[in-house]
PDB file of N, CA and C in Angstrom:
ATOM      1  N   MET A   1      -8.788   6.644  28.154  1.00  0.00           N
ATOM      2  CA  MET A   1      -8.428   6.977  26.921  1.00  0.00           C
ATOM      3  C   MET A   1      -9.309   7.539  26.004  1.00  0.00           C
ATOM      4  N   LYS A   2      -9.268   8.731  25.355  1.00  0.00           N
ATOM      5  CA  LYS A   2     -10.359   9.225  24.331  1.00  0.00           C
ATOM      6  C   LYS A   2      -9.857   8.844  23.100  1.00  0.00           C
ATOM      7  N   ILE A   3     -10.944   8.079  22.278  1.00  0.00           N
ATOM      8  CA  ILE A   3     -10.944   7.490  21.106  1.00  0.00           C
ATOM      9  C   ILE A   3     -11.052   8.713  20.106  1.00  0.00           C
ATOM     10  N   ARG A   4     -10.108   8.829  19.229  1.00  0.00           N
ATOM     11  CA  ARG A   4      -9.908   9.522  18.127  1.00  0.00           C
ATOM     12  C   ARG A   4     -10.999   9.334  17.056  1.00  0.00           C
ATOM     13  N   ASP A   5     -11.449  10.809  16.300  1.00  0.00           N
ATOM     14  CA  ASP A   5     -12.259  10.518  15.227  1.00  0.00           C
ATOM     15  C   ASP A   5     -11.269  10.230  14.041  1.00  0.00           C
ATOM     16  N   VAL A   6     -11.613   9.622  13.112  1.00  0.00           N
ATOM     17  CA  VAL A   6     -10.814   9.066  11.893  1.00  0.00           C
ATOM     18  C   VAL A   6     -11.759   9.147  10.450  1.00  0.00           C
ATOM     19  N   TYR A   7     -11.120   9.658   9.786  1.00  0.00           N
ATOM     20  CA  TYR A   7     -11.846   9.889   8.411  1.00  0.00           C
ATOM     21  C   TYR A   7     -11.172   9.560   7.544  1.00  0.00           C
ATOM     22  N   ILE A   8     -11.792   8.974   6.326  1.00  0.00           N
ATOM     23  CA  ILE A   8     -10.891   8.754   5.112  1.00  0.00           C
ATOM     24  C   ILE A   8     -11.161   9.877   4.190  1.00  0.00           C
ATOM     25  N   THR A   9     -10.439  10.672   3.597  1.00  0.00           N
ATOM     26  CA  THR A   9     -10.593  11.990   3.004  1.00  0.00           C
ATOM     27  C   THR A   9     -10.181  11.652   1.252  1.00  0.00           C
ATOM     28  N   ASP A  10      -9.416  10.377   1.036  1.00  0.00           N
ATOM     29  CA  ASP A  10      -9.201  10.297  -0.117  1.00  0.00           C
ATOM     30  C   ASP A  10      -8.736   8.703  -0.285  1.00  0.00           C
ATOM     31  N   PHE A  11      -8.656   8.341  -1.260  1.00  0.00           N
ATOM     32  CA  PHE A  11      -7.909   6.867  -1.582  1.00  0.00           C
ATOM     33  C   PHE A  11      -7.462   6.624  -2.966  1.00  0.00           C
ATOM     34  N   ILE A  12      -6.341   5.414  -2.996  1.00  0.00           N
ATOM     35  CA  ILE A  12      -5.937   5.382  -4.284  1.00  0.00           C
ATOM     36  C   ILE A  12      -5.759   4.022  -4.231  1.00  0.00           C
ATOM     37  N   ARG A  13      -5.458   3.204  -5.229  1.00  0.00           N
ATOM     38  CA  ARG A  13      -5.091   1.817  -5.505  1.00  0.00           C
ATOM     39  C   ARG A  13      -4.239   1.579  -6.458  1.00  0.00           C
ATOM     40  N   THR A  14      -3.322   0.348  -6.700  1.00  0.00           N
ATOM     41  CA  THR A  14      -2.783   0.054  -7.748  1.00  0.00           C
ATOM     42  C   THR A  14      -3.697  -0.297  -8.815  1.00  0.00           C
ATOM     43  N   PRO A  15      -3.275   0.081 -10.131  1.00  0.00           N
ATOM     44  CA  PRO A  15      -4.213  -0.280 -11.316  1.00  0.00           C
ATOM     45  C   PRO A  15      -3.830  -2.109 -11.458  1.00  0.00           C
ATOM     46  N   PHE A  16      -4.995  -2.283 -11.754  1.00  0.00           N
ATOM     47  CA  PHE A  16      -4.652  -3.965 -12.299  1.00  0.00           C
ATOM     48  C   PHE A  16      -5.303  -4.337 -13.626  1.00  0.00           C
ATOM     49  N   SER A  17      -5.106  -5.399 -13.895  1.00  0.00           N
ATOM     50  CA  SER A  17      -5.552  -5.988 -15.065  1.00  0.00           C
ATOM     51  C   SER A  17      -5.399  -7.571 -15.098  1.00  0.00           C
ATOM     52  N   ARG A  18      -5.850  -8.251 -15.885  1.00  0.00           N
ATOM     53  CA  ARG A  18      -5.863  -9.734 -15.971  1.00  0.00           C
ATOM     54  C   ARG A  18      -4.754  -9.989 -16.232  1.00  0.00           C
ATOM     55  N   SER A  19      -4.144 -11.226 -15.754  1.00  0.00           N
ATOM     56  CA  SER A  19      -2.599 -11.680 -15.880  1.00  0.00           C
ATOM     57  C   SER A  19      -2.931 -12.563 -16.942  1.00  0.00           C
ATOM     58  N   ARG A  20      -1.857 -12.345 -18.014  1.00  0.00           N
ATOM     59  CA  ARG A  20      -2.023 -13.334 -19.215  1.00  0.00           C
ATOM     60  C   ARG A  20      -0.393 -13.631 -19.377  1.00  0.00           C
ATOM     61  N   PRO A  21       0.253 -14.194 -18.561  1.00  0.00           N
ATOM     62  CA  PRO A  21       1.805 -14.476 -18.849  1.00  0.00           C
ATOM     63  C   PRO A  21       1.951 -15.176 -20.326  1.00  0.00           C
ATOM     64  N   ARG A  22       0.967 -16.045 -20.679  1.00  0.00           N
ATOM     65  CA  ARG A  22       1.441 -16.847 -21.981  1.00  0.00           C
ATOM     66  C   ARG A  22       0.960 -15.827 -23.265  1.00  0.00           C
ATOM     67  N   GLU A  23       0.363 -14.625 -23.052  1.00  0.00           N
ATOM     68  CA  GLU A  23       0.010 -13.608 -23.750  1.00  0.00           C
ATOM     69  C   GLU A  23       0.689 -12.161 -23.478  1.00  0.00           C
ATOM     70  N   PRO A  24       1.915 -11.971 -23.573  1.00  0.00           N
ATOM     71  CA  PRO A  24       2.474 -11.139 -23.279  1.00  0.00           C
ATOM     72  C   PRO A  24       1.768  -9.691 -23.840  1.00  0.00           C
ATOM     73  N   PRO A  25       1.358  -9.623 -25.175  1.00  0.00           N
ATOM     74  CA  PRO A  25       0.920  -8.454 -25.665  1.00  0.00           C
ATOM     75  C   PRO A  25      -0.361  -7.856 -24.692  1.00  0.00           C
ATOM     76  N   ARG A  26      -0.983  -8.823 -24.120  1.00  0.00           N
ATOM     77  CA  ARG A  26      -2.287  -8.510 -23.510  1.00  0.00           C
ATOM     78  C   ARG A  26      -2.173  -8.272 -22.276  1.00  0.00           C
ATOM     79  N   ASP A  27      -1.122  -8.812 -21.529  1.00  0.00           N
ATOM     80  CA  ASP A  27      -0.602  -8.757 -20.205  1.00  0.00           C
ATOM     81  C   ASP A  27      -0.184  -7.147 -19.725  1.00  0.00           C
ATOM     82  N   VAL A  28      -0.959  -6.232 -19.514  1.00  0.00           N
ATOM     83  CA  VAL A  28      -0.537  -4.926 -19.442  1.00  0.00           C
ATOM     84  C   VAL A  28       0.485  -4.851 -18.415  1.00  0.00           C
ATOM     85  N   PHE A  29       0.561  -5.385 -17.338  1.00  0.00           N
ATOM     86  CA  PHE A  29       1.389  -5.200 -16.188  1.00  0.00           C
ATOM     87  C   PHE A  29       2.310  -6.462 -15.980  1.00  0.00           C
ATOM     88  N   GLY A  30       2.606  -7.235 -17.139  1.00  0.00           N
ATOM     89  CA  GLY A  30       3.192  -8.340 -16.916  1.00  0.00           C
ATOM     90  C   GLY A  30       4.728  -8.287 -16.798  1.00  0.00           C
ATOM     91  N   ASN A  31       5.310  -7.164 -17.214  1.00  0.00           N
ATOM     92  CA  ASN A  31       6.629  -6.878 -16.677  1.00  0.00           C
ATOM     93  C   ASN A  31       6.899  -5.992 -15.566  1.00  0.00           C
ATOM     94  N   ILE A  32       5.842  -5.580 -14.846  1.00  0.00           N
ATOM     95  CA  ILE A  32       6.210  -4.830 -13.479  1.00  0.00           C
ATOM     96  C   ILE A  32       5.822  -5.670 -12.356  1.00  0.00           C
ATOM     97  N   ARG A  33       6.881  -5.903 -11.632  1.00  0.00           N
ATOM     98  CA  ARG A  33       6.462  -6.493 -10.323  1.00  0.00           C
ATOM     99  C   ARG A  33       5.564  -6.133  -9.486  1.00  0.00           C
ATOM    100  N   PRO A  34       4.841  -6.552  -8.620  1.00  0.00           N
ATOM    101  CA  PRO A  34       3.734  -5.840  -7.707  1.00  0.00           C
ATOM    102  C   PRO A  34       4.369  -5.132  -6.933  1.00  0.00           C
ATOM    103  N   ASP A  35       5.520  -5.161  -6.330  1.00  0.00           N
ATOM    104  CA  ASP A  35       6.068  -4.231  -5.221  1.00  0.00           C
ATOM    105  C   ASP A  35       6.375  -3.130  -5.944  1.00  0.00           C
ATOM    106  N   GLU A  36       6.841  -3.147  -7.429  1.00  0.00           N
ATOM    107  CA  GLU A  36       7.079  -2.035  -8.094  1.00  0.00           C
ATOM    108  C   GLU A  36       5.992  -1.215  -8.483  1.00  0.00           C
ATOM    109  N   LEU A  37       5.083  -1.586  -8.471  1.00  0.00           N
ATOM    110  CA  LEU A  37       3.537  -1.239  -8.944  1.00  0.00           C
ATOM    111  C   LEU A  37       2.948  -0.271  -7.620  1.00  0.00           C
ATOM    112  N   ALA A  38       3.057  -1.051  -6.918  1.00  0.00           N
ATOM    113  CA  ALA A  38       2.958  -0.481  -5.340  1.00  0.00           C
ATOM    114  C   ALA A  38       3.716   0.920  -5.094  1.00  0.00           C
ATOM    115  N   ALA A  39       4.962   0.883  -5.331  1.00  0.00           N
ATOM    116  CA  ALA A  39       5.890   1.876  -5.186  1.00  0.00           C
ATOM    117  C   ALA A  39       5.577   2.877  -5.864  1.00  0.00           C
ATOM    118  N   LEU A  40       5.210   2.793  -7.388  1.00  0.00           N
ATOM    119  CA  LEU A  40       4.658   3.747  -8.258  1.00  0.00           C
ATOM    120  C   LEU A  40       3.498   4.473  -7.788  1.00  0.00           C
ATOM    121  N   THR A  41       2.534   3.677  -7.100  1.00  0.00           N
ATOM    122  CA  THR A  41       1.461   4.312  -6.827  1.00  0.00           C
ATOM    123  C   THR A  41       1.553   5.245  -5.355  1.00  0.00           C
ATOM    124  N   LEU A  42       2.418   4.824  -4.602  1.00  0.00           N
ATOM    125  CA  LEU A  42       2.935   5.440  -3.340  1.00  0.00           C
ATOM    126  C   LEU A  42       3.584   6.717  -3.914  1.00  0.00           C
ATOM    127  N   ILE A  43       4.575   6.916  -4.820  1.00  0.00           N
ATOM    128  CA  ILE A  43       5.045   7.864  -5.286  1.00  0.00           C
ATOM    129  C   ILE A  43       4.117   8.936  -6.077  1.00  0.00           C
ATOM    130  N   ASP A  44       3.162   8.406  -6.707  1.00  0.00           N
ATOM    131  CA  ASP A  44       2.277   9.320  -7.305  1.00  0.00           C
ATOM    132  C   ASP A  44       1.278   9.774  -6.367  1.00  0.00           C
ATOM    133  N   MET A  45       0.898   9.010  -5.159  1.00  0.00           N
ATOM    134  CA  MET A  45      -0.126   9.510  -4.421  1.00  0.00           C
ATOM    135  C   MET A  45       0.587  10.709  -3.520  1.00  0.00           C
ATOM    136  N   PHE A  46       1.778  10.734  -2.993  1.00  0.00           N
ATOM    137  CA  PHE A  46       2.619  11.787  -2.452  1.00  0.00           C
ATOM    138  C   PHE A  46       3.141  12.982  -3.099  1.00  0.00           C
ATOM    139  N   ASP A  47       3.556  12.692  -4.450  1.00  0.00           N
ATOM    140  CA  ASP A  47       3.852  13.568  -5.191  1.00  0.00           C
ATOM    141  C   ASP A  47       2.866  14.433  -5.995  1.00  0.00           C
ATOM    142  N   ASN A  48       1.560  13.963  -6.169  1.00  0.00           N
ATOM    143  CA  ASN A  48       0.558  14.578  -6.603  1.00  0.00           C
ATOM    144  C   ASN A  48      -0.537  15.039  -5.837  1.00  0.00           C
ATOM    145  N   ARG A  49      -1.055  13.658  -5.214  1.00  0.00           N
ATOM    146  CA  ARG A  49      -2.352  13.809  -4.746  1.00  0.00           C
ATOM    147  C   ARG A  49      -2.388  14.385  -2.857  1.00  0.00           C
ATOM    148  N   LEU A  50      -1.350  14.058  -2.472  1.00  0.00           N
ATOM    149  CA  LEU A  50      -0.885  14.768  -1.112  1.00  0.00           C
ATOM    150  C   LEU A  50       0.063  15.711  -1.167  1.00  0.00           C
ATOM    151  N   LYS A  51       0.692  16.199  -2.230  1.00  0.00           N
ATOM    152  CA  LYS A  51       1.658  17.218  -1.945  1.00  0.00           C
ATOM    153  C   LYS A  51       1.079  18.503  -1.176  1.00  0.00           C
ATOM    154  N   GLY A  52       1.875  18.613  -0.402  1.00  0.00           N
ATOM    155  CA  GLY A  52       1.998  20.028   0.364  1.00  0.00           C
ATOM    156  C   GLY A  52       0.874  19.593   1.724  1.00  0.00           C
ATOM    157  N   LYS A  53       0.322  18.405   1.680  1.00  0.00           N
ATOM    158  CA  LYS A  53      -0.380  18.119   2.711  1.00  0.00           C
ATOM    159  C   LYS A  53       0.064  16.894   3.999  1.00  0.00           C
ATOM    160  N   VAL A  54       0.732  16.019   3.540  1.00  0.00           N
ATOM    161  CA  VAL A  54       1.206  14.962   4.118  1.00  0.00           C
ATOM    162  C   VAL A  54       2.751  14.506   3.336  1.00  0.00           C
ATOM    163  N   LYS A  55       3.660  14.305   4.176  1.00  0.00           N
ATOM    164  CA  LYS A  55       4.855  13.994   3.760  1.00  0.00           C
ATOM    165  C   LYS A  55       5.292  12.440   3.959  1.00  0.00           C
ATOM    166  N   PRO A  56       5.886  11.754   3.086  1.00  0.00           N
ATOM    167  CA  PRO A  56       6.419  10.380   3.539  1.00  0.00           C
ATOM    168  C   PRO A  56       6.998  10.119   4.985  1.00  0.00           C
ATOM    169  N   GLU A  57       7.564  11.436   5.547  1.00  0.00           N
ATOM    170  CA  GLU A  57       8.140  11.302   6.804  1.00  0.00           C
ATOM    171  C   GLU A  57       7.237  11.250   7.743  1.00  0.00           C
ATOM    172  N   ASP A  58       5.812  11.766   7.672  1.00  0.00           N
ATOM    173  CA  ASP A  58       4.753  11.728   8.609  1.00  0.00           C
ATOM    174  C   ASP A  58       3.968  10.444   8.756  1.00  0.00           C
ATOM    175  N   VAL A  59       4.437   9.319   8.048  1.00  0.00           N
ATOM    176  CA  VAL A  59       3.737   8.132   7.848  1.00  0.00           C
ATOM    177  C   VAL A  59       4.521   7.229   9.059  1.00  0.00           C
ATOM    178  N   ASP A  60       3.306   6.538   9.505  1.00  0.00           N
ATOM    179  CA  ASP A  60       3.835   6.004  10.877  1.00  0.00           C
ATOM    180  C   ASP A  60       3.790   4.282  10.592  1.00  0.00           C
ATOM    181  N   GLU A  61       2.695   4.139   9.684  1.00  0.00           N
ATOM    182  CA  GLU A  61       2.755   2.336   9.521  1.00  0.00           C
ATOM    183  C   GLU A  61       2.075   2.482   7.920  1.00  0.00           C
ATOM    184  N   PHE A  62       2.475   1.456   7.293  1.00  0.00           N
ATOM    185  CA  PHE A  62       2.142   1.193   5.911  1.00  0.00           C
ATOM    186  C   PHE A  62       1.538  -0.411   5.981  1.00  0.00           C
ATOM    187  N   ILE A  63       0.244  -0.283   5.594  1.00  0.00           N
ATOM    188  CA  ILE A  63      -0.661  -1.462   5.451  1.00  0.00           C
ATOM    189  C   ILE A  63      -1.181  -1.849   4.069  1.00  0.00           C
ATOM    190  N   ILE A  64      -0.574  -2.982   3.588  1.00  0.00           N
ATOM    191  CA  ILE A  64      -1.025  -3.317   2.232  1.00  0.00           C
ATOM    192  C   ILE A  64      -1.397  -4.836   2.115  1.00  0.00           C
ATOM    193  N   GLY A  65      -2.443  -4.672   1.443  1.00  0.00           N
ATOM    194  CA  GLY A  65      -3.068  -5.973   1.068  1.00  0.00           C
ATOM    195  C   GLY A  65      -3.107  -6.454  -0.245  1.00  0.00           C
ATOM    196  N   ALA A  66      -3.220  -7.921  -0.577  1.00  0.00           N
ATOM    197  CA  ALA A  66      -3.287  -8.223  -1.739  1.00  0.00           C
ATOM    198  C   ALA A  66      -3.945  -9.685  -1.925  1.00  0.00           C
ATOM    199  N   THR A  67      -4.206 -10.185  -3.029  1.00  0.00           N
ATOM    200  CA  THR A  67      -4.875 -11.416  -3.114  1.00  0.00           C
ATOM    201  C   THR A  67      -4.000 -12.406  -3.310  1.00  0.00           C
ATOM    202  N   HIS A  68      -2.661 -12.213  -3.770  1.00  0.00           N
ATOM    203  CA  HIS A  68      -1.741 -13.129  -3.722  1.00  0.00           C
ATOM    204  C   HIS A  68      -0.393 -12.466  -3.776  1.00  0.00           C
ATOM    205  N   PHE A  69       0.390 -12.461  -2.743  1.00  0.00           N
ATOM    206  CA  PHE A  69       1.515 -11.797  -2.415  1.00  0.00           C
ATOM    207  C   PHE A  69       2.666 -12.935  -3.227  1.00  0.00           C
ATOM    208  N   ASN A  70       3.719 -12.113  -4.051  1.00  0.00           N
ATOM    209  CA  ASN A  70       4.883 -12.829  -4.153  1.00  0.00           C
ATOM    210  C   ASN A  70       5.847 -12.191  -4.489  1.00  0.00           C
ATOM    211  N   TYR A  71       6.949 -12.993  -4.790  1.00  0.00           N
ATOM    212  CA  TYR A  71       8.491 -12.059  -4.814  1.00  0.00           C
ATOM    213  C   TYR A  71       8.801 -11.356  -3.898  1.00  0.00           C
ATOM    214  N   GLU A  72       9.350 -10.114  -3.505  1.00  0.00           N
ATOM    215  CA  GLU A  72       9.766  -9.736  -2.310  1.00  0.00           C
ATOM    216  C   GLU A  72       8.511  -9.185  -1.580  1.00  0.00           C
ATOM    217  N   HIS A  73       7.270  -8.953  -1.905  1.00  0.00           N
ATOM    218  CA  HIS A  73       6.401  -8.642  -1.051  1.00  0.00           C
ATOM    219  C   HIS A  73       5.894  -9.600   0.242  1.00  0.00           C
ATOM    220  N   ILE A  74       6.216 -10.770   0.028  1.00  0.00           N
ATOM    221  CA  ILE A  74       5.871 -11.964   0.873  1.00  0.00           C
ATOM    222  C   ILE A  74       6.871 -12.121   1.998  1.00  0.00           C
ATOM    223  N   ALA A  75       7.960 -11.648   1.535  1.00  0.00           N
ATOM    224  CA  ALA A  75       9.509 -12.008   2.255  1.00  0.00           C
ATOM    225  C   ALA A  75       9.219 -10.811   3.232  1.00  0.00           C
ATOM    226  N   PHE A  76       8.968  -9.514   2.784  1.00  0.00           N
ATOM    227  CA  PHE A  76       9.361  -8.395   3.490  1.00  0.00           C
ATOM    228  C   PHE A  76       8.142  -7.750   4.002  1.00  0.00           C
ATOM    229  N   GLY A  77       6.872  -8.121   4.048  1.00  0.00           N
ATOM    230  CA  GLY A  77       5.778  -7.738   4.542  1.00  0.00           C
ATOM    231  C   GLY A  77       5.435  -6.412   3.964  1.00  0.00           C
ATOM    232  N   GLY A  78       5.422  -6.166   2.598  1.00  0.00           N
ATOM    233  CA  GLY A  78       4.990  -4.802   2.195  1.00  0.00           C
ATOM    234  C   GLY A  78       6.170  -3.713   2.285  1.00  0.00           C
ATOM    235  N   ARG A  79       7.376  -4.029   2.769  1.00  0.00           N
ATOM    236  CA  ARG A  79       8.073  -2.906   3.098  1.00  0.00           C
ATOM    237  C   ARG A  79       9.167  -2.830   1.856  1.00  0.00           C
ATOM    238  N   TYR A  80       9.106  -3.654   1.004  1.00  0.00           N
ATOM    239  CA  TYR A  80       9.979  -3.378  -0.429  1.00  0.00           C
ATOM    240  C   TYR A  80       9.471  -2.416  -1.416  1.00  0.00           C
ATOM    241  N   SER A  81       8.153  -2.109  -1.240  1.00  0.00           N
ATOM    242  CA  SER A  81       7.699  -1.048  -1.742  1.00  0.00           C
ATOM    243  C   SER A  81       7.946   0.434  -1.203  1.00  0.00           C
ATOM    244  N   LEU A  82       8.023   0.253  -0.068  1.00  0.00           N
ATOM    245  CA  LEU A  82       8.435   1.527   0.566  1.00  0.00           C
ATOM    246  C   LEU A  82       9.792   1.803   0.170  1.00  0.00           C
ATOM    247  N   PHE A  83      10.591   0.797   0.174  1.00  0.00           N
ATOM    248  CA  PHE A  83      12.227   0.953  -0.030  1.00  0.00           C
ATOM    249  C   PHE A  83      12.187   1.648  -1.637  1.00  0.00           C
ATOM    250  N   LEU A  84      11.335   0.917  -2.513  1.00  0.00           N
ATOM    251  CA  LEU A  84      11.458   1.408  -3.809  1.00  0.00           C
ATOM    252  C   LEU A  84      10.878   2.801  -4.148  1.00  0.00           C
ATOM    253  N   ALA A  85      10.031   3.241  -3.154  1.00  0.00           N
ATOM    254  CA  ALA A  85       9.429   4.539  -3.256  1.00  0.00           C
ATOM    255  C   ALA A  85      10.277   5.607  -2.323  1.00  0.00           C
ATOM    256  N   LYS A  86      11.471   5.208  -2.037  1.00  0.00           N
ATOM    257  CA  LYS A  86      12.346   5.925  -1.289  1.00  0.00           C
ATOM    258  C   LYS A  86      11.710   6.635   0.051  1.00  0.00           C
ATOM    259  N   PHE A  87      10.863   5.617   0.901  1.00  0.00           N
ATOM    260  CA  PHE A  87      10.278   6.304   1.881  1.00  0.00           C
ATOM    261  C   PHE A  87      11.127   5.771   2.951  1.00  0.00           C
ATOM    262  N   PRO A  88      11.171   6.868   4.213  1.00  0.00           N
ATOM    263  CA  PRO A  88      11.959   6.514   5.486  1.00  0.00           C
ATOM    264  C   PRO A  88      12.093   5.086   5.998  1.00  0.00           C
ATOM    265  N   SER A  89      13.221   4.588   6.189  1.00  0.00           N
ATOM    266  CA  SER A  89      13.168   3.263   6.496  1.00  0.00           C
ATOM    267  C   SER A  89      12.605   3.264   8.155  1.00  0.00           C
ATOM    268  N   LYS A  90      12.056   3.992   8.862  1.00  0.00           N
ATOM    269  CA  LYS A  90      11.614   3.824   9.891  1.00  0.00           C
ATOM    270  C   LYS A  90      10.051   3.268   9.801  1.00  0.00           C
ATOM    271  N   ILE A  91       9.638   3.389   8.901  1.00  0.00           N
ATOM    272  CA  ILE A  91       8.014   3.255   8.566  1.00  0.00           C
ATOM    273  C   ILE A  91       7.875   1.678   8.890  1.00  0.00           C
ATOM    274  N   SER A  92       7.106   1.090  10.036  1.00  0.00           N
ATOM    275  CA  SER A  92       6.642  -0.292  10.001  1.00  0.00           C
ATOM    276  C   SER A  92       5.826  -0.422   8.732  1.00  0.00           C
ATOM    277  N   SER A  93       5.830  -1.922   8.723  1.00  0.00           N
ATOM    278  CA  SER A  93       4.563  -2.220   7.719  1.00  0.00           C
ATOM    279  C   SER A  93       3.916  -3.481   7.735  1.00  0.00           C
ATOM    280  N   ILE A  94       2.880  -4.003   7.437  1.00  0.00           N
ATOM    281  CA  ILE A  94       2.030  -4.817   7.536  1.00  0.00           C
ATOM    282  C   ILE A  94       1.442  -5.447   6.276  1.00  0.00           C
ATOM    283  N   ALA A  95       1.822  -6.839   5.833  1.00  0.00           N
ATOM    284  CA  ALA A  95       1.240  -6.959   4.530  1.00  0.00           C
ATOM    285  C   ALA A  95      -0.004  -8.345   4.714  1.00  0.00           C
ATOM    286  N   LEU A  96      -1.099  -8.213   4.316  1.00  0.00           N
ATOM    287  CA  LEU A  96      -2.027  -9.205   4.642  1.00  0.00           C
ATOM    288  C   LEU A  96      -2.779  -9.813   3.527  1.00  0.00           C
ATOM    289  N   ASP A  97      -3.158 -10.964   3.136  1.00  0.00           N
ATOM    290  CA  ASP A  97      -3.951 -11.657   2.145  1.00  0.00           C
ATOM    291  C   ASP A  97      -5.259 -11.958   2.732  1.00  0.00           C
ATOM    292  N   ARG A  98      -6.142 -11.453   2.294  1.00  0.00           N
ATOM    293  CA  ARG A  98      -7.630 -11.779   2.628  1.00  0.00           C
ATOM    294  C   ARG A  98      -8.463 -11.965   1.414  1.00  0.00           C
ATOM    295  N   GLN A  99      -7.705 -12.286   0.386  1.00  0.00           N
ATOM    296  CA  GLN A  99      -8.546 -12.423  -0.799  1.00  0.00           C
ATOM    297  C   GLN A  99      -9.212 -11.093  -1.401  1.00  0.00           C
ATOM    298  N   CYS A 100     -10.509 -11.238  -1.416  1.00  0.00           N
ATOM    299  CA  CYS A 100     -11.386  -9.918  -2.079  1.00  0.00           C
ATOM    300  C   CYS A 100     -11.505  -8.987  -1.071  1.00  0.00           C
ATOM    301  N   GLY A 101     -11.226  -9.430   0.655  1.00  0.00           N
ATOM    302  CA  GLY A 101     -11.506  -8.208   1.331  1.00  0.00           C
ATOM    303  C   GLY A 101     -10.387  -7.684   2.126  1.00  0.00           C
ATOM    304  N   SER A 102      -8.975  -8.074   1.184  1.00  0.00           N
ATOM    305  CA  SER A 102      -7.737  -7.201   1.780  1.00  0.00           C
ATOM    306  C   SER A 102      -7.877  -5.788   2.096  1.00  0.00           C
ATOM    307  N   ALA A 103      -8.621  -5.032   0.988  1.00  0.00           N
ATOM    308  CA  ALA A 103      -8.526  -3.403   1.197  1.00  0.00           C
ATOM    309  C   ALA A 103      -9.319  -3.038   2.153  1.00  0.00           C
ATOM    310  N   MET A 104     -10.630  -3.815   2.566  1.00  0.00           N
ATOM    311  CA  MET A 104     -11.316  -3.363   3.465  1.00  0.00           C
ATOM    312  C   MET A 104     -10.677  -3.576   4.836  1.00  0.00           C
ATOM    313  N   THR A 105      -9.966  -4.813   4.935  1.00  0.00           N
ATOM    314  CA  THR A 105      -9.356  -5.351   6.302  1.00  0.00           C
ATOM    315  C   THR A 105      -8.238  -4.180   6.655  1.00  0.00           C
ATOM    316  N   CYS A 106      -7.257  -3.827   5.589  1.00  0.00           N
ATOM    317  CA  CYS A 106      -6.376  -2.468   5.699  1.00  0.00           C
ATOM    318  C   CYS A 106      -6.923  -1.689   6.194  1.00  0.00           C
ATOM    319  N   ALA A 107      -8.195  -0.967   5.796  1.00  0.00           N
ATOM    320  CA  ALA A 107      -8.554   0.279   6.035  1.00  0.00           C
ATOM    321  C   ALA A 107      -9.069  -0.068   7.392  1.00  0.00           C
ATOM    322  N   SER A 108      -9.812  -1.308   8.038  1.00  0.00           N
ATOM    323  CA  SER A 108     -10.188  -1.263   9.319  1.00  0.00           C
ATOM    324  C   SER A 108      -8.996  -1.448  10.372  1.00  0.00           C
ATOM    325  N   ILE A 109      -8.196  -1.889  10.027  1.00  0.00           N
ATOM    326  CA  ILE A 109      -6.874  -1.975  10.855  1.00  0.00           C
ATOM    327  C   ILE A 109      -6.251  -0.587  10.998  1.00  0.00           C
ATOM    328  N   GLY A 110      -6.116   0.145  10.009  1.00  0.00           N
ATOM    329  CA  GLY A 110      -5.376   1.755   9.725  1.00  0.00           C
ATOM    330  C   GLY A 110      -6.695   2.350  10.765  1.00  0.00           C
ATOM    331  N   PHE A 111      -7.616   2.176  10.434  1.00  0.00           N
ATOM    332  CA  PHE A 111      -8.538   3.233  11.218  1.00  0.00           C
ATOM    333  C   PHE A 111      -8.545   2.925  12.768  1.00  0.00           C
ATOM    334  N   THR A 112      -8.572   1.505  13.266  1.00  0.00           N
ATOM    335  CA  THR A 112      -8.537   1.312  14.279  1.00  0.00           C
ATOM    336  C   THR A 112      -7.028   1.832  15.154  1.00  0.00           C
ATOM    337  N   ASN A 113      -6.066   1.441  14.523  1.00  0.00           N
ATOM    338  CA  ASN A 113      -4.848   1.957  14.949  1.00  0.00           C
ATOM    339  C   ASN A 113      -4.757   3.592  15.278  1.00  0.00           C
ATOM    340  N   ILE A 114      -4.968   4.423  14.592  1.00  0.00           N
ATOM    341  CA  ILE A 114      -5.605   5.694  14.590  1.00  0.00           C
ATOM    342  C   ILE A 114      -6.311   6.079  15.641  1.00  0.00           C
ATOM    343  N   ALA A 115      -7.602   5.508  15.634  1.00  0.00           N
ATOM    344  CA  ALA A 115      -8.219   5.760  16.437  1.00  0.00           C
ATOM    345  C   ALA A 115      -7.884   5.742  17.928  1.00  0.00           C
ATOM    346  N   LEU A 116      -7.124   4.339  18.241  1.00  0.00           N
ATOM    347  CA  LEU A 116      -6.688   4.356  19.495  1.00  0.00           C
ATOM    348  C   LEU A 116      -5.546   4.895  19.871  1.00  0.00           C
ATOM    349  N   GLY A 117      -4.715   5.692  18.794  1.00  0.00           N
ATOM    350  CA  GLY A 117      -3.403   6.244  19.149  1.00  0.00           C
ATOM    351  C   GLY A 117      -2.357   5.301  19.073  1.00  0.00           C
ATOM    352  N   ASN A 118      -2.421   4.011  18.333  1.00  0.00           N
ATOM    353  CA  ASN A 118      -1.230   3.501  17.921  1.00  0.00           C
ATOM    354  C   ASN A 118      -0.684   3.803  16.761  1.00  0.00           C
ATOM    355  N   SER A 119      -1.112   4.623  15.853  1.00  0.00           N
ATOM    356  CA  SER A 119      -0.316   5.160  14.745  1.00  0.00           C
ATOM    357  C   SER A 119      -0.641   6.515  14.694  1.00  0.00           C
TER     358      SER A 119
END
């Protein structure tokens, strides 16, 4: 088996702010669920940054990390964000919580899966 070269050419992340549930005016994303925020990020990425280069149908696997999963994220392993973004239902997903290392772990898993031909 030949290991494929893999390159990260761009990245995007969900915006974040400090959670202040007791001070709604200061809680920028307090009324948006995390899965909705991830879906909005996916929509923006594919409609703007990747337009004409990669389509949602080209995605084999979705890997998402967070420091604290809640609501639909924990029950559906990140798939709910895909559904909200209207991505094809054939895409498998992985959700992981590695505290401050989630993003790097997601990138590592994705890199490895692509390099070995698993995605």
